[in-house]
Amino acid sequence: MPKIRFLRSHLLRLLTLIYTHGRVSRGQLADYTGYSTFLVSKLAERLLKEELIVEVGAGVSSGGRPPTLLAINPDIGRLVGIHMGTINLRAVLTNLSGDVLAHRIDKSQVDQGPEVALQHMISVIQDLLRQARVKPEKLSGIGIGIAGVLDRQKGITLSWPKVPSWTDVPVKSVVERSFKTLVEVDDTPRTMALAEKRFGKARNAKEFIYLALGAGTGAALFLNGQLYTGTGGFAGEFGHTTIDERGPLCSCGNRGCLEVMVSASTLIHRAEEALATGLSSQLYRITRENGGQLNLDSIAKAAEANDRFSLGLLSETSLHVATGVTSLINLLNPELIILGGGLIQGIGRWLLPSIQRLVQERAMPNPANQVSIELSDLSEIDWARGSTLLVSEKVLQRTLPARRKV
């Protein structure tokens, strides 16, 4: 048996593996850790006794009795996840297994300034707790994804180009003061990528890139199974890749950035200009039938009706995205690229075939043949679930006292 000072690390490693894999047998845990089956059994016995894990049925037999599967006890923690975008706020309350107990989608109110928006977020969290009948002191942690440039360690929004009043905003400390619990903050592309890694198509991918396309444009990189953040934590500013040096002015101060070429607001603005100049009769008809509301769905429906302007707009958008994606493929050689975000939810099915074709034409042959480009099938609430993953493993660590004896 190992010395006592190592036992907590063994317990924590086993607990983390059970959490990460969802359902796993003792034999699989022995394979993953290199521990003896005897040690794994003793550790599992202690975790079961402490009610940190539960037995959840039988696995597939490889000959003989089917193995008993272990899973995390979902009731050892309650987590809140926040996805705060330029327009919308998505909030979710989950157990430690990620099951949704309450959720809400509302306006983020970031355009009214940090004080108003953060107080609104705090009120939404309080509403979720009331809805699920969870006392604030039972809340184990809050993860916040926010669409700005961040100091991740301090939880401060350094800047937010689309809403200039968000400069040096101490998001983490404001929320900590309200709830007296663990709080972590990161940018929204990373929390969306965490959701994809845990709940979506990237579960088994080690080298994958998540591209968030919506009101803004960003990326998150998983390299060798780990989220890559860069030296200062600023990796992933894919939206500020230059596509056209003489292009329109971006909120960052440069011209022709991918974000200013393909954001949802850019597409809608161009569609509004087309309506004003009479370029698109189908788009005019669809917008009129929709009570005068023009959105991404309107553009998609016009394209379905073979509207020349809408088809051209989608083709141009595909070209810009594919240009950026091709650079990522040539540089990083990923196995998987997932496109997600509000833009993809609205018109992704129109963009994907052209992006895939253009990448095959433009990227280097070997990396182009090794990558799969897919659309995310996660929902807006799943984006908020991804934010809970910022705190979930730290919550697990806090369930184990400093010293344990097996």
Protein backbone atom coordinates (compact mmCIF):
# COMPACT_ATOMS: atom_id res chain seq x y z
CA MET A 1 0.00 0.00 0.00
CA PRO A 2 1.22 3.56 -0.71
CA LYS A 3 2.19 5.91 2.09
CA ILE A 4 -0.63 7.95 3.60
CA ARG A 5 0.56 11.26 2.17
CA PHE A 6 -0.12 9.93 -1.34
CA LEU A 7 -3.60 8.57 -0.67
CA ARG A 8 -5.51 11.78 -1.26
CA SER A 9 -3.90 12.15 -4.69
CA HIS A 10 -4.90 8.56 -5.54
CA LEU A 11 -8.48 9.21 -4.47
CA LEU A 12 -8.62 12.47 -6.38
CA ARG A 13 -7.17 10.91 -9.51
CA LEU A 14 -9.75 8.14 -9.43
CA LEU A 15 -12.58 10.58 -8.71
CA THR A 16 -11.52 12.82 -11.60
CA LEU A 17 -11.30 9.90 -14.02
CA ILE A 18 -14.76 8.69 -13.04
CA TYR A 19 -16.10 12.22 -13.54
CA THR A 20 -14.34 12.62 -16.91
CA HIS A 21 -15.43 9.27 -18.36
CA GLY A 22 -18.99 9.39 -17.06
CA ARG A 23 -19.37 5.65 -16.48
CA VAL A 24 -16.36 3.42 -15.99
CA SER A 25 -15.50 0.02 -14.51
CA ARG A 26 -12.87 -0.73 -11.87
CA GLY A 27 -10.90 -2.66 -14.47
CA GLN A 28 -10.85 0.35 -16.80
CA LEU A 29 -9.68 2.55 -13.93
CA ALA A 30 -6.81 0.14 -13.27
CA ASP A 31 -5.85 0.40 -16.96
CA TYR A 32 -6.05 4.21 -16.98
CA THR A 33 -4.05 4.67 -13.77
CA GLY A 34 -1.64 1.74 -13.74
CA TYR A 35 -2.78 1.00 -10.19
CA SER A 36 -3.29 -2.58 -9.09
CA THR A 37 -6.86 -3.90 -9.16
CA PHE A 38 -6.61 -4.29 -5.38
CA LEU A 39 -5.74 -0.61 -4.87
CA VAL A 40 -8.47 0.52 -7.27
CA SER A 41 -11.01 -1.59 -5.40
CA LYS A 42 -9.96 -0.11 -2.05
CA LEU A 43 -10.07 3.44 -3.39
CA ALA A 44 -13.46 2.86 -5.01
CA GLU A 45 -14.74 1.36 -1.77
CA ARG A 46 -13.74 4.53 0.09
CA LEU A 47 -15.31 6.82 -2.51
CA LEU A 48 -18.53 4.78 -2.37
CA LYS A 49 -18.53 4.94 1.43
CA GLU A 50 -18.12 8.73 1.27
CA GLU A 51 -21.01 8.85 -1.26
CA LEU A 52 -18.84 10.67 -3.78
CA ILE A 53 -19.51 8.02 -6.43
CA VAL A 54 -22.34 5.55 -7.10
CA GLU A 55 -22.70 2.20 -8.83
CA VAL A 56 -24.84 2.58 -11.96
CA GLY A 57 -25.33 -0.88 -13.43
CA ALA A 58 -23.35 -3.34 -15.49
CA GLY A 59 -20.99 -2.80 -18.39
CA VAL A 60 -20.25 -5.03 -21.37
CA SER A 61 -18.70 -8.35 -20.47
CA SER A 62 -15.52 -9.52 -22.18
CA GLY A 63 -16.16 -13.00 -20.83
CA GLY A 64 -17.55 -13.84 -17.43
CA ARG A 65 -19.53 -11.58 -15.12
CA PRO A 66 -20.26 -8.08 -16.51
CA PRO A 67 -18.29 -5.37 -14.66
CA THR A 68 -20.10 -2.95 -12.36
CA LEU A 69 -19.88 0.63 -13.61
CA LEU A 70 -19.07 3.59 -11.41
CA ALA A 71 -20.22 7.19 -11.88
CA ILE A 72 -19.92 10.44 -9.99
CA ASN A 73 -22.64 11.09 -7.44
CA PRO A 74 -24.47 13.95 -9.15
CA ASP A 75 -25.81 15.31 -5.88
CA ILE A 76 -22.44 16.25 -4.38
CA GLY A 77 -22.50 19.60 -6.14
CA ARG A 78 -24.68 22.27 -7.74
CA LEU A 79 -23.11 24.41 -10.44
CA VAL A 80 -24.17 27.51 -12.36
CA GLY A 81 -22.96 28.17 -15.89
CA ILE A 82 -23.24 31.57 -17.59
CA HIS A 83 -22.73 32.37 -21.26
CA MET A 84 -22.75 36.17 -21.62
CA GLY A 85 -22.73 37.40 -25.19
CA THR A 86 -23.07 40.78 -26.81
CA ILE A 87 -26.82 40.27 -27.19
CA ASN A 88 -28.00 37.30 -25.12
CA LEU A 89 -27.38 35.79 -21.69
CA ARG A 90 -27.70 32.02 -21.29
CA ALA A 91 -27.77 30.64 -17.76
CA VAL A 92 -28.05 27.11 -16.42
CA LEU A 93 -28.07 25.34 -13.06
CA THR A 94 -26.81 21.75 -13.12
CA ASN A 95 -25.76 18.94 -10.83
CA LEU A 96 -22.19 17.68 -11.01
CA SER A 97 -23.09 15.24 -13.79
CA GLY A 98 -24.19 18.14 -15.98
CA ASP A 99 -27.93 17.39 -15.79
CA VAL A 100 -29.92 20.61 -16.20
CA LEU A 101 -32.00 21.54 -13.15
CA ALA A 102 -33.04 25.02 -14.34
CA HIS A 103 -32.17 27.31 -17.23
CA ARG A 104 -32.95 30.69 -18.70
CA ILE A 105 -32.20 32.73 -21.84
CA ASP A 106 -32.50 36.51 -21.58
CA LYS A 107 -30.97 39.69 -22.97
CA SER A 108 -27.44 40.22 -21.64
CA GLN A 109 -27.89 44.01 -21.23
CA VAL A 110 -24.14 44.51 -21.73
CA ASP A 111 -24.86 47.60 -23.83
CA GLN A 112 -26.23 49.27 -20.67
CA GLY A 113 -22.85 49.02 -18.96
CA PRO A 114 -21.09 46.57 -16.62
CA GLU A 115 -22.93 47.54 -13.44
CA VAL A 116 -26.38 46.98 -14.94
CA ALA A 117 -25.40 43.80 -16.82
CA LEU A 118 -23.64 42.15 -13.88
CA GLN A 119 -26.51 42.91 -11.51
CA HIS A 120 -28.87 41.42 -14.08
CA MET A 121 -26.70 38.29 -14.28
CA ILE A 122 -26.69 37.99 -10.48
CA SER A 123 -30.49 38.30 -10.45
CA VAL A 124 -30.80 35.57 -13.08
CA ILE A 125 -28.60 33.24 -10.98
CA GLN A 126 -30.74 33.94 -7.93
CA ASP A 127 -33.87 33.13 -9.97
CA LEU A 128 -32.36 29.80 -11.07
CA LEU A 129 -31.60 28.87 -7.47
CA ARG A 130 -35.15 29.71 -6.40
CA GLN A 131 -36.61 27.80 -9.34
CA ALA A 132 -34.65 24.65 -8.42
CA ARG A 133 -35.08 25.20 -4.66
CA VAL A 134 -31.33 25.33 -4.08
CA LYS A 135 -30.10 27.43 -1.17
CA PRO A 136 -27.28 29.84 -2.12
CA GLU A 137 -24.95 28.24 0.42
CA LYS A 138 -25.39 24.90 -1.41
CA LEU A 139 -24.04 26.36 -4.64
CA SER A 140 -20.63 24.76 -5.28
CA GLY A 141 -19.35 27.00 -8.05
CA ILE A 142 -20.12 29.43 -10.88
CA GLY A 143 -18.45 29.35 -14.29
CA ILE A 144 -18.80 32.39 -16.52
CA GLY A 145 -18.09 32.57 -20.23
CA ILE A 146 -17.95 36.15 -21.47
CA ALA A 147 -17.37 37.49 -24.99
CA GLY A 148 -14.57 39.92 -24.19
CA VAL A 149 -10.79 40.10 -23.89
CA LEU A 150 -9.97 38.73 -20.45
CA ASP A 151 -7.37 38.42 -17.76
CA ARG A 152 -8.36 34.83 -17.01
CA GLN A 153 -6.41 34.57 -13.76
CA LYS A 154 -8.00 37.64 -12.19
CA GLY A 155 -11.39 37.24 -13.90
CA ILE A 156 -11.26 40.77 -15.31
CA THR A 157 -12.67 41.92 -18.63
CA LEU A 158 -9.79 43.97 -20.05
CA SER A 159 -11.78 45.17 -23.05
CA TRP A 160 -14.78 44.35 -25.17
CA PRO A 161 -14.47 46.06 -28.57
CA LYS A 162 -18.18 45.85 -29.37
CA VAL A 163 -19.11 47.44 -26.01
CA PRO A 164 -16.33 49.91 -25.11
CA SER A 165 -17.59 50.60 -21.57
CA TRP A 166 -16.37 47.13 -20.52
CA THR A 167 -12.78 48.07 -19.65
CA ASP A 168 -11.06 46.55 -16.59
CA VAL A 169 -14.31 45.13 -15.21
CA PRO A 170 -13.73 42.77 -12.20
CA VAL A 171 -16.39 40.23 -13.16
CA LYS A 172 -15.07 37.46 -10.91
CA SER A 173 -14.82 39.51 -7.72
CA VAL A 174 -18.29 41.06 -8.22
CA VAL A 175 -19.91 37.63 -8.50
CA GLU A 176 -17.83 36.19 -5.63
CA ARG A 177 -19.05 38.92 -3.32
CA SER A 178 -22.66 38.08 -4.15
CA PHE A 179 -22.50 34.29 -3.74
CA LYS A 180 -19.44 33.49 -1.59
CA THR A 181 -18.52 30.51 -3.76
CA LEU A 182 -15.93 29.41 -6.31
CA VAL A 183 -16.06 31.56 -9.47
CA GLU A 184 -14.04 31.17 -12.68
CA VAL A 185 -14.19 33.30 -15.85
CA ASP A 186 -13.07 32.56 -19.42
CA ASP A 187 -14.01 33.64 -22.92
CA THR A 188 -17.05 32.18 -24.65
CA PRO A 189 -15.29 30.28 -27.48
CA ARG A 190 -13.39 28.27 -24.84
CA THR A 191 -16.45 27.51 -22.74
CA MET A 192 -18.32 26.47 -25.91
CA ALA A 193 -15.39 24.24 -26.82
CA LEU A 194 -15.43 22.70 -23.35
CA ALA A 195 -19.10 21.88 -23.90
CA GLU A 196 -18.26 20.28 -27.23
CA LYS A 197 -15.48 18.24 -25.64
CA ARG A 198 -17.69 17.03 -22.79
CA PHE A 199 -21.14 16.76 -24.36
CA GLY A 200 -20.73 17.01 -28.13
CA LYS A 201 -18.93 15.73 -31.20
CA ALA A 202 -15.39 16.29 -29.84
CA ARG A 203 -15.63 13.74 -26.99
CA ASN A 204 -12.96 11.50 -28.49
CA ALA A 205 -10.88 14.13 -30.30
CA LYS A 206 -7.40 15.06 -29.09
CA GLU A 207 -6.54 17.64 -31.76
CA PHE A 208 -9.55 19.80 -32.49
CA ILE A 209 -10.50 23.41 -33.07
CA TYR A 210 -13.80 24.99 -32.15
CA LEU A 211 -14.81 28.05 -34.16
CA ALA A 212 -17.48 30.26 -32.60
CA LEU A 213 -19.26 32.31 -35.25
CA GLY A 214 -21.98 34.69 -34.12
CA ALA A 215 -22.08 38.36 -33.11
CA GLY A 216 -18.29 37.94 -32.86
CA THR A 217 -15.81 35.36 -34.10
CA GLY A 218 -13.36 33.37 -31.99
CA ALA A 219 -11.61 30.03 -31.68
CA ALA A 220 -10.57 27.55 -29.02
CA LEU A 221 -7.74 25.09 -29.59
CA PHE A 222 -7.45 21.64 -28.07
CA LEU A 223 -3.93 20.31 -28.67
CA ASN A 224 -3.03 16.83 -27.44
CA GLY A 225 -6.31 16.76 -25.55
CA GLN A 226 -5.59 19.95 -23.60
CA LEU A 227 -7.07 23.42 -24.02
CA TYR A 228 -4.31 25.67 -25.37
CA THR A 229 -4.44 29.26 -24.11
CA GLY A 230 -1.06 30.70 -25.11
CA THR A 231 1.61 32.51 -23.10
CA GLY A 232 -0.68 35.25 -21.78
CA GLY A 233 -3.99 33.44 -22.15
CA PHE A 234 -4.98 35.23 -25.36
CA ALA A 235 -4.75 32.39 -27.90
CA GLY A 236 -7.74 31.93 -30.17
CA GLU A 237 -8.42 35.43 -31.52
CA PHE A 238 -9.31 33.86 -34.86
CA GLY A 239 -11.80 36.61 -35.68
CA HIS A 240 -8.97 39.09 -36.07
CA THR A 241 -7.26 37.16 -38.84
CA THR A 242 -6.91 39.57 -41.78
CA ILE A 243 -8.93 38.44 -44.79
CA ASP A 244 -8.91 41.65 -46.82
CA GLU A 245 -6.31 44.35 -46.11
CA ARG A 246 -8.55 46.96 -47.75
CA GLY A 247 -11.71 45.62 -46.14
CA PRO A 248 -14.10 47.33 -43.73
CA LEU A 249 -12.91 48.71 -40.40
CA CYS A 250 -13.11 46.21 -37.53
CA SER A 251 -13.94 47.10 -33.92
CA CYS A 252 -10.33 46.16 -33.05
CA GLY A 253 -9.04 49.02 -35.21
CA ASN A 254 -7.73 46.94 -38.12
CA ARG A 255 -9.31 46.45 -41.53
CA GLY A 256 -10.68 43.34 -43.18
CA CYS A 257 -10.70 41.07 -40.11
CA LEU A 258 -12.66 37.85 -40.50
CA GLU A 259 -15.06 38.95 -37.75
CA VAL A 260 -16.13 42.11 -39.55
CA MET A 261 -16.60 40.12 -42.78
CA VAL A 262 -18.73 37.25 -41.47
CA SER A 263 -20.40 38.26 -38.19
CA ALA A 264 -24.15 37.88 -37.92
CA SER A 265 -24.55 41.65 -37.59
CA THR A 266 -22.55 42.19 -40.80
CA LEU A 267 -24.73 39.79 -42.77
CA ILE A 268 -27.94 41.32 -41.48
CA HIS A 269 -26.65 44.84 -42.21
CA ARG A 270 -25.83 43.87 -45.78
CA ALA A 271 -29.26 42.27 -46.16
CA GLU A 272 -30.87 45.48 -44.88
CA GLU A 273 -28.94 47.44 -47.51
CA ALA A 274 -30.16 45.03 -50.17
CA LEU A 275 -33.76 45.59 -49.09
CA ALA A 276 -33.31 49.35 -49.09
CA THR A 277 -31.99 49.32 -52.67
CA GLY A 278 -34.48 46.74 -53.97
CA LEU A 279 -31.85 44.08 -54.71
CA SER A 280 -33.83 41.16 -53.29
CA SER A 281 -37.53 40.66 -53.89
CA GLN A 282 -37.59 37.25 -52.14
CA LEU A 283 -35.90 38.64 -49.05
CA TYR A 284 -38.37 41.55 -49.05
CA ARG A 285 -41.30 39.14 -49.23
CA ILE A 286 -39.97 36.89 -46.45
CA THR A 287 -39.16 39.85 -44.19
CA ARG A 288 -42.62 41.31 -44.76
CA GLU A 289 -44.26 37.98 -43.91
CA ASN A 290 -42.17 37.93 -40.73
CA GLY A 291 -43.64 41.20 -39.50
CA GLY A 292 -40.77 43.25 -40.88
CA GLN A 293 -38.15 41.36 -38.85
CA LEU A 294 -34.95 40.54 -40.74
CA ASN A 295 -32.66 37.87 -39.27
CA LEU A 296 -30.39 35.02 -40.32
CA ASP A 297 -33.38 32.74 -40.79
CA SER A 298 -34.80 35.24 -43.28
CA ILE A 299 -31.60 35.05 -45.33
CA ALA A 300 -31.65 31.24 -45.21
CA LYS A 301 -35.29 31.11 -46.36
CA ALA A 302 -34.55 33.53 -49.20
CA ALA A 303 -31.64 31.33 -50.27
CA GLU A 304 -33.97 28.32 -50.26
CA ALA A 305 -36.18 30.29 -52.65
CA ASN A 306 -33.14 30.76 -54.95
CA ASP A 307 -32.79 34.44 -54.13
CA ARG A 308 -29.68 35.57 -56.02
CA PHE A 309 -28.55 38.14 -53.46
CA SER A 310 -28.92 35.76 -50.48
CA LEU A 311 -27.15 32.93 -52.29
CA GLY A 312 -24.30 35.29 -53.17
CA LEU A 313 -24.06 36.54 -49.58
CA LEU A 314 -23.84 32.99 -48.23
CA SER A 315 -21.29 32.02 -50.88
CA GLU A 316 -19.11 35.00 -49.98
CA THR A 317 -19.38 34.18 -46.28
CA SER A 318 -18.34 30.58 -46.94
CA LEU A 319 -15.32 31.80 -48.86
CA HIS A 320 -14.16 34.06 -46.03
CA VAL A 321 -14.60 31.37 -43.37
CA ALA A 322 -12.88 28.77 -45.55
CA THR A 323 -9.91 31.11 -46.08
CA GLY A 324 -9.39 31.35 -42.33
CA VAL A 325 -10.03 27.64 -41.75
CA THR A 326 -7.52 26.68 -44.44
CA SER A 327 -4.78 28.60 -42.59
CA LEU A 328 -5.64 26.80 -39.35
CA ILE A 329 -5.51 23.40 -41.05
CA ASN A 330 -2.16 24.07 -42.70
CA LEU A 331 -0.70 25.41 -39.45
CA LEU A 332 -2.06 22.95 -36.87
CA ASN A 333 -3.11 19.78 -38.75
CA PRO A 334 -6.19 19.13 -36.53
CA GLU A 335 -8.30 15.99 -36.79
CA LEU A 336 -11.56 17.88 -36.24
CA ILE A 337 -12.91 21.39 -36.70
CA ILE A 338 -16.33 22.16 -35.28
CA LEU A 339 -18.28 25.25 -36.35
CA GLY A 340 -20.69 26.59 -33.73
CA GLY A 341 -22.39 29.73 -32.51
CA GLY A 342 -25.43 31.76 -33.51
CA LEU A 343 -24.38 32.23 -37.12
CA ILE A 344 -23.99 28.48 -37.55
CA GLN A 345 -27.34 27.77 -35.92
CA GLY A 346 -28.95 30.13 -38.42
CA ILE A 347 -27.21 29.37 -41.70
CA GLY A 348 -24.59 26.69 -40.99
CA ARG A 349 -26.26 24.11 -43.21
CA TRP A 350 -25.80 26.50 -46.13
CA LEU A 351 -22.18 27.32 -45.36
CA LEU A 352 -20.74 23.88 -44.57
CA PRO A 353 -20.70 22.23 -48.05
CA SER A 354 -18.92 25.22 -49.61
CA ILE A 355 -16.43 25.47 -46.73
CA GLN A 356 -15.60 21.76 -47.02
CA ARG A 357 -15.15 22.04 -50.80
CA LEU A 358 -13.00 25.17 -50.60
CA VAL A 359 -10.77 23.65 -47.91
CA GLN A 360 -10.15 20.60 -50.07
CA GLU A 361 -9.19 22.91 -52.93
CA ARG A 362 -6.95 25.25 -50.95
CA ALA A 363 -5.38 23.44 -48.00
CA MET A 364 -2.30 21.25 -48.28
CA PRO A 365 -3.46 17.78 -49.40
CA ASN A 366 -2.34 15.71 -46.40
CA PRO A 367 -3.81 17.85 -43.59
CA ALA A 368 -6.91 18.54 -45.72
CA ASN A 369 -7.55 14.80 -46.06
CA GLN A 370 -7.02 14.19 -42.34
CA VAL A 371 -9.47 16.77 -41.00
CA SER A 372 -13.23 16.52 -40.55
CA ILE A 373 -15.20 19.79 -40.58
CA GLU A 374 -18.59 19.53 -38.87
CA LEU A 375 -21.39 21.66 -37.48
CA SER A 376 -22.03 21.64 -33.75
CA ASP A 377 -25.37 20.16 -32.73
CA LEU A 378 -25.32 21.62 -29.22
CA SER A 379 -27.93 24.13 -28.06
CA GLU A 380 -27.58 27.59 -26.51
CA ILE A 381 -28.16 26.05 -23.08
CA ASP A 382 -25.27 23.65 -23.74
CA TRP A 383 -23.03 26.69 -24.21
CA ALA A 384 -23.85 27.66 -20.62
CA ARG A 385 -23.30 24.06 -19.51
CA GLY A 386 -19.80 24.39 -20.93
CA SER A 387 -19.14 27.23 -18.48
CA THR A 388 -19.84 24.92 -15.53
CA LEU A 389 -16.79 22.90 -16.64
CA LEU A 390 -14.58 25.83 -15.62
CA VAL A 391 -15.28 24.95 -11.97
CA SER A 392 -16.38 21.31 -11.91
CA GLU A 393 -12.98 19.67 -11.31
CA LYS A 394 -12.08 22.22 -8.64
CA VAL A 395 -15.37 21.38 -6.93
CA LEU A 396 -14.32 17.71 -7.00
CA GLN A 397 -11.02 18.61 -5.34
CA ARG A 398 -12.87 20.41 -2.55
CA THR A 399 -14.94 17.31 -1.77
CA LEU A 400 -11.80 15.61 -0.41
CA PRO A 401 -10.26 16.87 2.85
CA ALA A 402 -6.51 17.48 2.96
CA ARG A 403 -5.68 13.99 4.31
CA ARG A 404 -7.33 10.64 3.67
CA LYS A 405 -6.51 7.17 4.96
CA VAL A 406 -7.49 3.99 3.13
